[in-house]
Amino acid sequence: MTTPFSTTTWSVVPVFTGRVATQDDVNTGQAVYALSDTFNGRAVEGEFPQPVIWYDEDDEYGALIVQAEAHDTEEGETLEVLGLMLPNGETVVAFADDVDEVDATDPFWVALVEAFDDDDGDDA
């Protein structure tokens, strides 16, 4: 699952939806991640790909949600885990708390995606 995108091509990137991913899905490039140490995994419904601003430590990136699942921990906590795609096609795993969903016309998201392209993807 490595499909570079721009502000004009973002809506056609492949997504993984409808069920919880397996390791085989990851190995074949259909999914970003597969979790095995959680309970009650379920796919999160939504319109994907979804533009987001991802906050990673002190950096911000324009990205797309291409996979979303909710999983329960042994402690009874529910985690919403996201597979994100960066403009260069790289994928990362993040928590829902680390992103803000935005519209594809959001000027900050557009600027982040365009800046990532200008930097040849060296931001990640």
PDB file of N, CA and C in Angstrom:
ATOM      1  N   MET A   1       0.857  -1.176   0.000  1.00  0.00           N
ATOM      2  CA  MET A   1       0.000   0.000   0.000  1.00  0.00           C
ATOM      3  C   MET A   1       0.901   1.236   0.000  1.00  0.00           C
ATOM      4  N   THR A   2       1.466   1.532  -1.145  1.00  0.00           N
ATOM      5  CA  THR A   2       2.308   2.716  -1.278  1.00  0.00           C
ATOM      6  C   THR A   2       1.911   3.455  -2.541  1.00  0.00           C
ATOM      7  N   THR A   3       1.064   4.427  -2.394  1.00  0.00           N
ATOM      8  CA  THR A   3       0.583   5.206  -3.523  1.00  0.00           C
ATOM      9  C   THR A   3       0.799   6.680  -3.230  1.00  0.00           C
ATOM     10  N   PRO A   4       1.823   7.292  -3.828  1.00  0.00           N
ATOM     11  CA  PRO A   4       2.004   8.728  -3.614  1.00  0.00           C
ATOM     12  C   PRO A   4       0.748   9.489  -4.051  1.00  0.00           C
ATOM     13  N   PHE A   5       0.507  10.615  -3.378  1.00  0.00           N
ATOM     14  CA  PHE A   5      -0.662  11.421  -3.738  1.00  0.00           C
ATOM     15  C   PHE A   5      -0.328  12.900  -3.666  1.00  0.00           C
ATOM     16  N   SER A   6      -1.173  13.676  -4.300  1.00  0.00           N
ATOM     17  CA  SER A   6      -1.065  15.136  -4.265  1.00  0.00           C
ATOM     18  C   SER A   6      -2.421  15.694  -3.851  1.00  0.00           C
ATOM     19  N   THR A   7      -2.524  16.999  -3.830  1.00  0.00           N
ATOM     20  CA  THR A   7      -3.795  17.625  -3.461  1.00  0.00           C
ATOM     21  C   THR A   7      -4.871  17.397  -4.517  1.00  0.00           C
ATOM     22  N   THR A   8      -4.489  16.941  -5.691  1.00  0.00           N
ATOM     23  CA  THR A   8      -5.481  16.662  -6.736  1.00  0.00           C
ATOM     24  C   THR A   8      -5.748  15.168  -6.933  1.00  0.00           C
ATOM     25  N   THR A   9      -4.860  14.303  -6.432  1.00  0.00           N
ATOM     26  CA  THR A   9      -5.029  12.863  -6.655  1.00  0.00           C
ATOM     27  C   THR A   9      -5.361  12.088  -5.383  1.00  0.00           C
ATOM     28  N   TRP A  10      -5.504  12.744  -4.266  1.00  0.00           N
ATOM     29  CA  TRP A  10      -5.671  12.085  -2.965  1.00  0.00           C
ATOM     30  C   TRP A  10      -6.893  11.165  -2.898  1.00  0.00           C
ATOM     31  N   SER A  11      -7.954  11.501  -3.605  1.00  0.00           N
ATOM     32  CA  SER A  11      -9.215  10.777  -3.435  1.00  0.00           C
ATOM     33  C   SER A  11      -9.207   9.383  -4.051  1.00  0.00           C
ATOM     34  N   VAL A  12      -8.185   9.038  -4.818  1.00  0.00           N
ATOM     35  CA  VAL A  12      -8.162   7.730  -5.477  1.00  0.00           C
ATOM     36  C   VAL A  12      -7.142   6.767  -4.873  1.00  0.00           C
ATOM     37  N   VAL A  13      -6.530   7.111  -3.748  1.00  0.00           N
ATOM     38  CA  VAL A  13      -5.583   6.173  -3.146  1.00  0.00           C
ATOM     39  C   VAL A  13      -6.338   4.962  -2.597  1.00  0.00           C
ATOM     40  N   PRO A  14      -5.717   3.798  -2.592  1.00  0.00           N
ATOM     41  CA  PRO A  14      -6.393   2.603  -2.077  1.00  0.00           C
ATOM     42  C   PRO A  14      -6.595   2.679  -0.569  1.00  0.00           C
ATOM     43  N   VAL A  15      -7.679   2.090  -0.113  1.00  0.00           N
ATOM     44  CA  VAL A  15      -7.992   2.066   1.320  1.00  0.00           C
ATOM     45  C   VAL A  15      -8.278   0.631   1.749  1.00  0.00           C
ATOM     46  N   PHE A  16      -8.215   0.402   3.058  1.00  0.00           N
ATOM     47  CA  PHE A  16      -8.565  -0.901   3.618  1.00  0.00           C
ATOM     48  C   PHE A  16      -9.723  -0.673   4.570  1.00  0.00           C
ATOM     49  N   THR A  17     -10.909  -1.197   4.235  1.00  0.00           N
ATOM     50  CA  THR A  17     -12.097  -0.972   5.048  1.00  0.00           C
ATOM     51  C   THR A  17     -12.933  -2.242   5.152  1.00  0.00           C
ATOM     52  N   GLY A  18     -13.898  -2.217   6.062  1.00  0.00           N
ATOM     53  CA  GLY A  18     -14.895  -3.265   6.144  1.00  0.00           C
ATOM     54  C   GLY A  18     -14.607  -4.389   7.106  1.00  0.00           C
ATOM     55  N   ARG A  19     -13.353  -4.560   7.493  1.00  0.00           N
ATOM     56  CA  ARG A  19     -12.996  -5.616   8.437  1.00  0.00           C
ATOM     57  C   ARG A  19     -11.640  -5.302   9.057  1.00  0.00           C
ATOM     58  N   VAL A  20     -11.295  -6.065  10.083  1.00  0.00           N
ATOM     59  CA  VAL A  20     -10.003  -5.928  10.741  1.00  0.00           C
ATOM     60  C   VAL A  20      -8.940  -6.602   9.872  1.00  0.00           C
ATOM     61  N   ALA A  21      -7.818  -5.939   9.707  1.00  0.00           N
ATOM     62  CA  ALA A  21      -6.745  -6.459   8.865  1.00  0.00           C
ATOM     63  C   ALA A  21      -6.019  -7.625   9.529  1.00  0.00           C
ATOM     64  N   THR A  22      -5.529  -8.523   8.696  1.00  0.00           N
ATOM     65  CA  THR A  22      -4.692  -9.631   9.141  1.00  0.00           C
ATOM     66  C   THR A  22      -3.253  -9.368   8.695  1.00  0.00           C
ATOM     67  N   GLN A  23      -2.336 -10.164   9.206  1.00  0.00           N
ATOM     68  CA  GLN A  23      -0.946 -10.031   8.779  1.00  0.00           C
ATOM     69  C   GLN A  23      -0.807 -10.315   7.292  1.00  0.00           C
ATOM     70  N   ASP A  24      -1.614 -11.220   6.761  1.00  0.00           N
ATOM     71  CA  ASP A  24      -1.594 -11.480   5.317  1.00  0.00           C
ATOM     72  C   ASP A  24      -1.975 -10.228   4.528  1.00  0.00           C
ATOM     73  N   ASP A  25      -2.940  -9.460   5.039  1.00  0.00           N
ATOM     74  CA  ASP A  25      -3.334  -8.209   4.369  1.00  0.00           C
ATOM     75  C   ASP A  25      -2.162  -7.234   4.327  1.00  0.00           C
ATOM     76  N   VAL A  26      -1.405  -7.176   5.400  1.00  0.00           N
ATOM     77  CA  VAL A  26      -0.229  -6.294   5.447  1.00  0.00           C
ATOM     78  C   VAL A  26       0.840  -6.818   4.490  1.00  0.00           C
ATOM     79  N   ASN A  27       1.095  -8.116   4.530  1.00  0.00           N
ATOM     80  CA  ASN A  27       2.135  -8.708   3.680  1.00  0.00           C
ATOM     81  C   ASN A  27       1.857  -8.520   2.197  1.00  0.00           C
ATOM     82  N   THR A  28       0.593  -8.492   1.813  1.00  0.00           N
ATOM     83  CA  THR A  28       0.242  -8.308   0.405  1.00  0.00           C
ATOM     84  C   THR A  28       0.055  -6.844   0.024  1.00  0.00           C
ATOM     85  N   GLY A  29       0.268  -5.932   0.990  1.00  0.00           N
ATOM     86  CA  GLY A  29       0.181  -4.513   0.699  1.00  0.00           C
ATOM     87  C   GLY A  29      -1.222  -3.954   0.685  1.00  0.00           C
ATOM     88  N   GLN A  30      -2.199  -4.718   1.160  1.00  0.00           N
ATOM     89  CA  GLN A  30      -3.572  -4.229   1.178  1.00  0.00           C
ATOM     90  C   GLN A  30      -3.875  -3.374   2.404  1.00  0.00           C
ATOM     91  N   ALA A  31      -3.148  -3.604   3.511  1.00  0.00           N
ATOM     92  CA  ALA A  31      -3.394  -2.891   4.765  1.00  0.00           C
ATOM     93  C   ALA A  31      -2.084  -2.319   5.285  1.00  0.00           C
ATOM     94  N   VAL A  32      -2.207  -1.318   6.140  1.00  0.00           N
ATOM     95  CA  VAL A  32      -1.041  -0.673   6.736  1.00  0.00           C
ATOM     96  C   VAL A  32      -0.540  -1.466   7.933  1.00  0.00           C
ATOM     97  N   TYR A  33      -1.451  -2.004   8.750  1.00  0.00           N
ATOM     98  CA  TYR A  33      -1.067  -2.688   9.983  1.00  0.00           C
ATOM     99  C   TYR A  33      -2.073  -3.782  10.307  1.00  0.00           C
ATOM    100  N   ALA A  34      -1.645  -4.683  11.181  1.00  0.00           N
ATOM    101  CA  ALA A  34      -2.518  -5.708  11.752  1.00  0.00           C
ATOM    102  C   ALA A  34      -2.118  -5.839  13.220  1.00  0.00           C
ATOM    103  N   LEU A  35      -3.074  -5.716  14.113  1.00  0.00           N
ATOM    104  CA  LEU A  35      -2.794  -5.824  15.546  1.00  0.00           C
ATOM    105  C   LEU A  35      -3.168  -7.209  16.039  1.00  0.00           C
ATOM    106  N   SER A  36      -2.292  -7.797  16.850  1.00  0.00           N
ATOM    107  CA  SER A  36      -2.568  -9.146  17.338  1.00  0.00           C
ATOM    108  C   SER A  36      -2.657  -9.216  18.853  1.00  0.00           C
ATOM    109  N   ASP A  37      -2.289  -8.151  19.542  1.00  0.00           N
ATOM    110  CA  ASP A  37      -2.260  -8.203  21.004  1.00  0.00           C
ATOM    111  C   ASP A  37      -3.385  -7.380  21.640  1.00  0.00           C
ATOM    112  N   THR A  38      -4.516  -7.307  20.961  1.00  0.00           N
ATOM    113  CA  THR A  38      -5.676  -6.574  21.477  1.00  0.00           C
ATOM    114  C   THR A  38      -6.906  -7.470  21.382  1.00  0.00           C
ATOM    115  N   PHE A  39      -8.028  -6.952  21.884  1.00  0.00           N
ATOM    116  CA  PHE A  39      -9.264  -7.718  21.908  1.00  0.00           C
ATOM    117  C   PHE A  39     -10.373  -6.965  21.189  1.00  0.00           C
ATOM    118  N   ASN A  40     -11.343  -7.704  20.695  1.00  0.00           N
ATOM    119  CA  ASN A  40     -12.550  -7.113  20.137  1.00  0.00           C
ATOM    120  C   ASN A  40     -12.245  -6.091  19.040  1.00  0.00           C
ATOM    121  N   GLY A  41     -11.323  -6.434  18.149  1.00  0.00           N
ATOM    122  CA  GLY A  41     -11.004  -5.529  17.048  1.00  0.00           C
ATOM    123  C   GLY A  41     -12.177  -5.378  16.106  1.00  0.00           C
ATOM    124  N   ARG A  42     -12.384  -4.168  15.629  1.00  0.00           N
ATOM    125  CA  ARG A  42     -13.467  -3.906  14.690  1.00  0.00           C
ATOM    126  C   ARG A  42     -13.086  -2.739  13.780  1.00  0.00           C
ATOM    127  N   ALA A  43     -13.567  -2.814  12.558  1.00  0.00           N
ATOM    128  CA  ALA A  43     -13.324  -1.739  11.599  1.00  0.00           C
ATOM    129  C   ALA A  43     -14.130  -0.515  12.010  1.00  0.00           C
ATOM    130  N   VAL A  44     -13.553   0.646  11.820  1.00  0.00           N
ATOM    131  CA  VAL A  44     -14.244   1.910  12.079  1.00  0.00           C
ATOM    132  C   VAL A  44     -14.861   2.369  10.765  1.00  0.00           C
ATOM    133  N   GLU A  45     -16.140   2.665  10.812  1.00  0.00           N
ATOM    134  CA  GLU A  45     -16.842   3.132   9.619  1.00  0.00           C
ATOM    135  C   GLU A  45     -16.466   4.583   9.332  1.00  0.00           C
ATOM    136  N   GLY A  46     -16.395   4.919   8.069  1.00  0.00           N
ATOM    137  CA  GLY A  46     -16.104   6.293   7.683  1.00  0.00           C
ATOM    138  C   GLY A  46     -15.909   6.386   6.184  1.00  0.00           C
ATOM    139  N   GLU A  47     -15.778   7.592   5.721  1.00  0.00           N
ATOM    140  CA  GLU A  47     -15.485   7.858   4.316  1.00  0.00           C
ATOM    141  C   GLU A  47     -13.977   7.966   4.175  1.00  0.00           C
ATOM    142  N   PHE A  48     -13.381   6.987   3.503  1.00  0.00           N
ATOM    143  CA  PHE A  48     -11.926   6.963   3.355  1.00  0.00           C
ATOM    144  C   PHE A  48     -11.566   6.936   1.881  1.00  0.00           C
ATOM    145  N   PRO A  49     -10.485   7.545   1.481  1.00  0.00           N
ATOM    146  CA  PRO A  49      -9.489   8.204   2.310  1.00  0.00           C
ATOM    147  C   PRO A  49     -10.025   9.511   2.902  1.00  0.00           C
ATOM    148  N   GLN A  50      -9.524   9.843   4.078  1.00  0.00           N
ATOM    149  CA  GLN A  50      -9.930  11.048   4.795  1.00  0.00           C
ATOM    150  C   GLN A  50      -8.694  11.913   5.037  1.00  0.00           C
ATOM    151  N   PRO A  51      -8.673  13.143   4.497  1.00  0.00           N
ATOM    152  CA  PRO A  51      -7.547  14.027   4.775  1.00  0.00           C
ATOM    153  C   PRO A  51      -7.449  14.355   6.271  1.00  0.00           C
ATOM    154  N   VAL A  52      -6.223  14.364   6.763  1.00  0.00           N
ATOM    155  CA  VAL A  52      -5.956  14.703   8.162  1.00  0.00           C
ATOM    156  C   VAL A  52      -4.655  15.476   8.270  1.00  0.00           C
ATOM    157  N   ILE A  53      -4.549  16.167   9.384  1.00  0.00           N
ATOM    158  CA  ILE A  53      -3.261  16.716   9.789  1.00  0.00           C
ATOM    159  C   ILE A  53      -2.785  15.823  10.928  1.00  0.00           C
ATOM    160  N   TRP A  54      -1.625  15.216  10.722  1.00  0.00           N
ATOM    161  CA  TRP A  54      -1.047  14.299  11.708  1.00  0.00           C
ATOM    162  C   TRP A  54       0.023  15.037  12.495  1.00  0.00           C
ATOM    163  N   TYR A  55      -0.102  14.983  13.807  1.00  0.00           N
ATOM    164  CA  TYR A  55       0.853  15.622  14.708  1.00  0.00           C
ATOM    165  C   TYR A  55       1.773  14.547  15.268  1.00  0.00           C
ATOM    166  N   ASP A  56       3.035  14.567  14.839  1.00  0.00           N
ATOM    167  CA  ASP A  56       4.034  13.588  15.251  1.00  0.00           C
ATOM    168  C   ASP A  56       5.139  14.329  15.987  1.00  0.00           C
ATOM    169  N   GLU A  57       5.136  14.203  17.319  1.00  0.00           N
ATOM    170  CA  GLU A  57       6.071  14.923  18.174  1.00  0.00           C
ATOM    171  C   GLU A  57       5.950  16.408  17.872  1.00  0.00           C
ATOM    172  N   ASP A  58       7.010  17.043  17.335  1.00  0.00           N
ATOM    173  CA  ASP A  58       6.963  18.488  17.083  1.00  0.00           C
ATOM    174  C   ASP A  58       6.670  18.823  15.628  1.00  0.00           C
ATOM    175  N   ASP A  59       6.307  17.831  14.821  1.00  0.00           N
ATOM    176  CA  ASP A  59       6.070  18.052  13.403  1.00  0.00           C
ATOM    177  C   ASP A  59       4.605  17.841  13.047  1.00  0.00           C
ATOM    178  N   GLU A  60       4.203  18.432  11.937  1.00  0.00           N
ATOM    179  CA  GLU A  60       2.846  18.291  11.414  1.00  0.00           C
ATOM    180  C   GLU A  60       2.948  17.858   9.964  1.00  0.00           C
ATOM    181  N   TYR A  61       2.082  16.925   9.571  1.00  0.00           N
ATOM    182  CA  TYR A  61       2.099  16.402   8.213  1.00  0.00           C
ATOM    183  C   TYR A  61       0.688  16.347   7.653  1.00  0.00           C
ATOM    184  N   GLY A  62       0.549  16.649   6.371  1.00  0.00           N
ATOM    185  CA  GLY A  62      -0.686  16.384   5.668  1.00  0.00           C
ATOM    186  C   GLY A  62      -0.691  14.906   5.309  1.00  0.00           C
ATOM    187  N   ALA A  63      -1.753  14.201   5.639  1.00  0.00           N
ATOM    188  CA  ALA A  63      -1.821  12.757   5.408  1.00  0.00           C
ATOM    189  C   ALA A  63      -3.251  12.359   5.094  1.00  0.00           C
ATOM    190  N   LEU A  64      -3.438  11.059   4.844  1.00  0.00           N
ATOM    191  CA  LEU A  64      -4.762  10.493   4.590  1.00  0.00           C
ATOM    192  C   LEU A  64      -4.976   9.295   5.500  1.00  0.00           C
ATOM    193  N   ILE A  65      -6.179   9.175   6.067  1.00  0.00           N
ATOM    194  CA  ILE A  65      -6.545   7.938   6.750  1.00  0.00           C
ATOM    195  C   ILE A  65      -6.936   6.943   5.660  1.00  0.00           C
ATOM    196  N   VAL A  66      -6.247   5.789   5.639  1.00  0.00           N
ATOM    197  CA  VAL A  66      -6.568   4.747   4.670  1.00  0.00           C
ATOM    198  C   VAL A  66      -6.998   3.449   5.357  1.00  0.00           C
ATOM    199  N   GLN A  67      -6.910   3.417   6.679  1.00  0.00           N
ATOM    200  CA  GLN A  67      -7.346   2.261   7.470  1.00  0.00           C
ATOM    201  C   GLN A  67      -7.684   2.774   8.856  1.00  0.00           C
ATOM    202  N   ALA A  68      -8.775   2.278   9.442  1.00  0.00           N
ATOM    203  CA  ALA A  68      -9.168   2.696  10.789  1.00  0.00           C
ATOM    204  C   ALA A  68      -9.820   1.527  11.513  1.00  0.00           C
ATOM    205  N   GLU A  69      -9.292   1.233  12.702  1.00  0.00           N
ATOM    206  CA  GLU A  69      -9.831   0.142  13.509  1.00  0.00           C
ATOM    207  C   GLU A  69      -9.882   0.571  14.966  1.00  0.00           C
ATOM    208  N   ALA A  70     -10.814  -0.017  15.706  1.00  0.00           N
ATOM    209  CA  ALA A  70     -10.898   0.175  17.161  1.00  0.00           C
ATOM    210  C   ALA A  70     -10.567  -1.160  17.807  1.00  0.00           C
ATOM    211  N   HIS A  71      -9.750  -1.114  18.841  1.00  0.00           N
ATOM    212  CA  HIS A  71      -9.313  -2.319  19.549  1.00  0.00           C
ATOM    213  C   HIS A  71      -9.366  -2.054  21.045  1.00  0.00           C
ATOM    214  N   ASP A  72      -9.747  -3.078  21.803  1.00  0.00           N
ATOM    215  CA  ASP A  72      -9.767  -2.983  23.262  1.00  0.00           C
ATOM    216  C   ASP A  72      -8.479  -3.574  23.818  1.00  0.00           C
ATOM    217  N   THR A  73      -7.971  -2.964  24.886  1.00  0.00           N
ATOM    218  CA  THR A  73      -6.766  -3.460  25.543  1.00  0.00           C
ATOM    219  C   THR A  73      -7.144  -4.357  26.710  1.00  0.00           C
ATOM    220  N   GLU A  74      -6.153  -5.009  27.311  1.00  0.00           N
ATOM    221  CA  GLU A  74      -6.383  -5.841  28.501  1.00  0.00           C
ATOM    222  C   GLU A  74      -6.944  -5.021  29.648  1.00  0.00           C
ATOM    223  N   GLU A  75      -6.611  -3.731  29.681  1.00  0.00           N
ATOM    224  CA  GLU A  75      -7.077  -2.838  30.737  1.00  0.00           C
ATOM    225  C   GLU A  75      -8.479  -2.310  30.479  1.00  0.00           C
ATOM    226  N   GLY A  76      -9.100  -2.715  29.370  1.00  0.00           N
ATOM    227  CA  GLY A  76     -10.454  -2.276  29.060  1.00  0.00           C
ATOM    228  C   GLY A  76     -10.522  -0.943  28.333  1.00  0.00           C
ATOM    229  N   GLU A  77      -9.394  -0.408  27.932  1.00  0.00           N
ATOM    230  CA  GLU A  77      -9.348   0.850  27.199  1.00  0.00           C
ATOM    231  C   GLU A  77      -9.584   0.567  25.713  1.00  0.00           C
ATOM    232  N   THR A  78     -10.312   1.454  25.031  1.00  0.00           N
ATOM    233  CA  THR A  78     -10.514   1.321  23.597  1.00  0.00           C
ATOM    234  C   THR A  78      -9.576   2.275  22.876  1.00  0.00           C
ATOM    235  N   LEU A  79      -8.815   1.727  21.946  1.00  0.00           N
ATOM    236  CA  LEU A  79      -7.885   2.522  21.152  1.00  0.00           C
ATOM    237  C   LEU A  79      -8.380   2.576  19.717  1.00  0.00           C
ATOM    238  N   GLU A  80      -8.436   3.773  19.155  1.00  0.00           N
ATOM    239  CA  GLU A  80      -8.738   3.915  17.740  1.00  0.00           C
ATOM    240  C   GLU A  80      -7.413   4.089  17.016  1.00  0.00           C
ATOM    241  N   VAL A  81      -7.068   3.089  16.208  1.00  0.00           N
ATOM    242  CA  VAL A  81      -5.779   3.039  15.537  1.00  0.00           C
ATOM    243  C   VAL A  81      -5.987   3.316  14.050  1.00  0.00           C
ATOM    244  N   LEU A  82      -5.130   4.164  13.494  1.00  0.00           N
ATOM    245  CA  LEU A  82      -5.272   4.590  12.108  1.00  0.00           C
ATOM    246  C   LEU A  82      -4.062   4.198  11.282  1.00  0.00           C
ATOM    247  N   GLY A  83      -4.302   3.801  10.059  1.00  0.00           N
ATOM    248  CA  GLY A  83      -3.247   3.667   9.070  1.00  0.00           C
ATOM    249  C   GLY A  83      -3.272   4.929   8.229  1.00  0.00           C
ATOM    250  N   LEU A  84      -2.156   5.640   8.214  1.00  0.00           N
ATOM    251  CA  LEU A  84      -2.068   6.892   7.466  1.00  0.00           C
ATOM    252  C   LEU A  84      -1.146   6.727   6.271  1.00  0.00           C
ATOM    253  N   MET A  85      -1.477   7.427   5.205  1.00  0.00           N
ATOM    254  CA  MET A  85      -0.592   7.493   4.052  1.00  0.00           C
ATOM    255  C   MET A  85      -0.077   8.919   3.932  1.00  0.00           C
ATOM    256  N   LEU A  86       1.232   9.045   3.758  1.00  0.00           N
ATOM    257  CA  LEU A  86       1.872  10.336   3.552  1.00  0.00           C
ATOM    258  C   LEU A  86       1.947  10.624   2.059  1.00  0.00           C
ATOM    259  N   PRO A  87       2.173  11.876   1.673  1.00  0.00           N
ATOM    260  CA  PRO A  87       2.165  12.224   0.251  1.00  0.00           C
ATOM    261  C   PRO A  87       3.134  11.425  -0.626  1.00  0.00           C
ATOM    262  N   ASN A  88       4.229  10.922  -0.053  1.00  0.00           N
ATOM    263  CA  ASN A  88       5.181  10.146  -0.854  1.00  0.00           C
ATOM    264  C   ASN A  88       4.809   8.674  -0.943  1.00  0.00           C
ATOM    265  N   GLY A  89       3.662   8.286  -0.355  1.00  0.00           N
ATOM    266  CA  GLY A  89       3.205   6.911  -0.404  1.00  0.00           C
ATOM    267  C   GLY A  89       3.617   6.079   0.792  1.00  0.00           C
ATOM    268  N   GLU A  90       4.499   6.606   1.641  1.00  0.00           N
ATOM    269  CA  GLU A  90       4.854   5.890   2.865  1.00  0.00           C
ATOM    270  C   GLU A  90       3.634   5.801   3.763  1.00  0.00           C
ATOM    271  N   THR A  91       3.582   4.744   4.572  1.00  0.00           N
ATOM    272  CA  THR A  91       2.486   4.602   5.519  1.00  0.00           C
ATOM    273  C   THR A  91       3.026   4.595   6.943  1.00  0.00           C
ATOM    274  N   VAL A  92       2.182   5.060   7.861  1.00  0.00           N
ATOM    275  CA  VAL A  92       2.518   5.081   9.283  1.00  0.00           C
ATOM    276  C   VAL A  92       1.271   4.709  10.063  1.00  0.00           C
ATOM    277  N   VAL A  93       1.483   4.296  11.305  1.00  0.00           N
ATOM    278  CA  VAL A  93       0.389   3.975  12.209  1.00  0.00           C
ATOM    279  C   VAL A  93       0.315   5.067  13.257  1.00  0.00           C
ATOM    280  N   ALA A  94      -0.895   5.551  13.535  1.00  0.00           N
ATOM    281  CA  ALA A  94      -1.085   6.621  14.515  1.00  0.00           C
ATOM    282  C   ALA A  94      -2.373   6.373  15.285  1.00  0.00           C
ATOM    283  N   PHE A  95      -2.502   7.048  16.396  1.00  0.00           N
ATOM    284  CA  PHE A  95      -3.749   7.016  17.158  1.00  0.00           C
ATOM    285  C   PHE A  95      -4.640   8.160  16.702  1.00  0.00           C
ATOM    286  N   ALA A  96      -5.943   7.972  16.816  1.00  0.00           N
ATOM    287  CA  ALA A  96      -6.900   8.999  16.393  1.00  0.00           C
ATOM    288  C   ALA A  96      -6.670  10.313  17.131  1.00  0.00           C
ATOM    289  N   ASP A  97      -6.180  10.240  18.370  1.00  0.00           N
ATOM    290  CA  ASP A  97      -5.911  11.466  19.140  1.00  0.00           C
ATOM    291  C   ASP A  97      -4.791  12.302  18.537  1.00  0.00           C
ATOM    292  N   ASP A  98      -4.001  11.725  17.635  1.00  0.00           N
ATOM    293  CA  ASP A  98      -2.857  12.426  17.057  1.00  0.00           C
ATOM    294  C   ASP A  98      -3.155  13.072  15.712  1.00  0.00           C
ATOM    295  N   VAL A  99      -4.434  13.058  15.289  1.00  0.00           N
ATOM    296  CA  VAL A  99      -4.790  13.656  14.006  1.00  0.00           C
ATOM    297  C   VAL A  99      -6.009  14.558  14.149  1.00  0.00           C
ATOM    298  N   ASP A 100      -6.104  15.502  13.247  1.00  0.00           N
ATOM    299  CA  ASP A 100      -7.312  16.312  13.081  1.00  0.00           C
ATOM    300  C   ASP A 100      -7.837  16.063  11.682  1.00  0.00           C
ATOM    301  N   GLU A 101      -9.087  15.614  11.575  1.00  0.00           N
ATOM    302  CA  GLU A 101      -9.700  15.439  10.261  1.00  0.00           C
ATOM    303  C   GLU A 101      -9.998  16.813   9.674  1.00  0.00           C
ATOM    304  N   VAL A 102      -9.704  16.963   8.398  1.00  0.00           N
ATOM    305  CA  VAL A 102      -9.925  18.239   7.708  1.00  0.00           C
ATOM    306  C   VAL A 102     -10.526  17.957   6.339  1.00  0.00           C
ATOM    307  N   ASP A 103     -10.994  19.005   5.705  1.00  0.00           N
ATOM    308  CA  ASP A 103     -11.470  18.928   4.334  1.00  0.00           C
ATOM    309  C   ASP A 103     -10.263  19.044   3.404  1.00  0.00           C
ATOM    310  N   ALA A 104     -10.341  18.444   2.240  1.00  0.00           N
ATOM    311  CA  ALA A 104      -9.228  18.491   1.292  1.00  0.00           C
ATOM    312  C   ALA A 104      -8.941  19.891   0.780  1.00  0.00           C
ATOM    313  N   THR A 105      -9.840  20.823   1.032  1.00  0.00           N
ATOM    314  CA  THR A 105      -9.596  22.214   0.630  1.00  0.00           C
ATOM    315  C   THR A 105      -9.011  23.044   1.772  1.00  0.00           C
ATOM    316  N   ASP A 106      -8.798  22.433   2.930  1.00  0.00           N
ATOM    317  CA  ASP A 106      -8.220  23.144   4.069  1.00  0.00           C
ATOM    318  C   ASP A 106      -6.847  23.692   3.661  1.00  0.00           C
ATOM    319  N   PRO A 107      -6.648  25.008   3.757  1.00  0.00           N
ATOM    320  CA  PRO A 107      -5.394  25.589   3.264  1.00  0.00           C
ATOM    321  C   PRO A 107      -4.146  25.062   3.982  1.00  0.00           C
ATOM    322  N   PHE A 108      -4.257  24.730   5.260  1.00  0.00           N
ATOM    323  CA  PHE A 108      -3.097  24.215   5.992  1.00  0.00           C
ATOM    324  C   PHE A 108      -2.743  22.809   5.502  1.00  0.00           C
ATOM    325  N   TRP A 109      -3.754  21.951   5.303  1.00  0.00           N
ATOM    326  CA  TRP A 109      -3.505  20.608   4.775  1.00  0.00           C
ATOM    327  C   TRP A 109      -2.885  20.697   3.383  1.00  0.00           C
ATOM    328  N   VAL A 110      -3.441  21.540   2.525  1.00  0.00           N
ATOM    329  CA  VAL A 110      -2.907  21.707   1.174  1.00  0.00           C
ATOM    330  C   VAL A 110      -1.444  22.147   1.239  1.00  0.00           C
ATOM    331  N   ALA A 111      -1.135  23.107   2.092  1.00  0.00           N
ATOM    332  CA  ALA A 111       0.244  23.594   2.216  1.00  0.00           C
ATOM    333  C   ALA A 111       1.182  22.492   2.716  1.00  0.00           C
ATOM    334  N   LEU A 112       0.727  21.686   3.681  1.00  0.00           N
ATOM    335  CA  LEU A 112       1.564  20.596   4.190  1.00  0.00           C
ATOM    336  C   LEU A 112       1.832  19.546   3.117  1.00  0.00           C
ATOM    337  N   VAL A 113       0.804  19.186   2.356  1.00  0.00           N
ATOM    338  CA  VAL A 113       0.984  18.193   1.291  1.00  0.00           C
ATOM    339  C   VAL A 113       1.926  18.738   0.224  1.00  0.00           C
ATOM    340  N   GLU A 114       1.722  19.981  -0.190  1.00  0.00           N
ATOM    341  CA  GLU A 114       2.587  20.569  -1.213  1.00  0.00           C
ATOM    342  C   GLU A 114       4.018  20.721  -0.715  1.00  0.00           C
ATOM    343  N   ALA A 115       4.208  21.086   0.536  1.00  0.00           N
ATOM    344  CA  ALA A 115       5.553  21.222   1.096  1.00  0.00           C
ATOM    345  C   ALA A 115       6.247  19.869   1.173  1.00  0.00           C
ATOM    346  N   PHE A 116       5.495  18.827   1.498  1.00  0.00           N
ATOM    347  CA  PHE A 116       6.063  17.485   1.548  1.00  0.00           C
ATOM    348  C   PHE A 116       6.581  17.101   0.172  1.00  0.00           C
ATOM    349  N   ASP A 117       5.795  17.386  -0.868  1.00  0.00           N
ATOM    350  CA  ASP A 117       6.221  17.116  -2.241  1.00  0.00           C
ATOM    351  C   ASP A 117       7.490  17.894  -2.585  1.00  0.00           C
ATOM    352  N   ASP A 118       7.553  19.157  -2.169  1.00  0.00           N
ATOM    353  CA  ASP A 118       8.712  19.993  -2.467  1.00  0.00           C
ATOM    354  C   ASP A 118       9.974  19.474  -1.789  1.00  0.00           C
ATOM    355  N   ASP A 119       9.789  18.821  -0.632  1.00  0.00           N
ATOM    356  CA  ASP A 119      10.943  18.297   0.103  1.00  0.00           C
ATOM    357  C   ASP A 119      11.302  16.880  -0.323  1.00  0.00           C
ATOM    358  N   ASP A 120      10.660  16.364  -1.363  1.00  0.00           N
ATOM    359  CA  ASP A 120      10.879  14.999  -1.838  1.00  0.00           C
ATOM    360  C   ASP A 120      10.613  13.951  -0.773  1.00  0.00           C
ATOM    361  N   GLY A 121       9.684  14.264   0.155  1.00  0.00           N
ATOM    362  CA  GLY A 121       9.300  13.280   1.144  1.00  0.00           C
ATOM    363  C   GLY A 121      10.306  13.074   2.257  1.00  0.00           C
ATOM    364  N   ASP A 122      11.267  13.977   2.422  1.00  0.00           N
ATOM    365  CA  ASP A 122      12.270  13.809   3.467  1.00  0.00           C
ATOM    366  C   ASP A 122      11.746  14.152   4.840  1.00  0.00           C
ATOM    367  N   ASP A 123      10.506  14.612   4.941  1.00  0.00           N
ATOM    368  CA  ASP A 123       9.954  15.029   6.233  1.00  0.00           C
ATOM    369  C   ASP A 123       9.693  13.855   7.176  1.00  0.00           C
ATOM    370  N   ALA A 124       9.378  12.704   6.657  1.00  0.00           N
ATOM    371  CA  ALA A 124       8.971  11.584   7.525  1.00  0.00           C
ATOM    372  C   ALA A 124      10.158  10.874   8.136  1.00  0.00           C
TER     373      ALA A 124
END
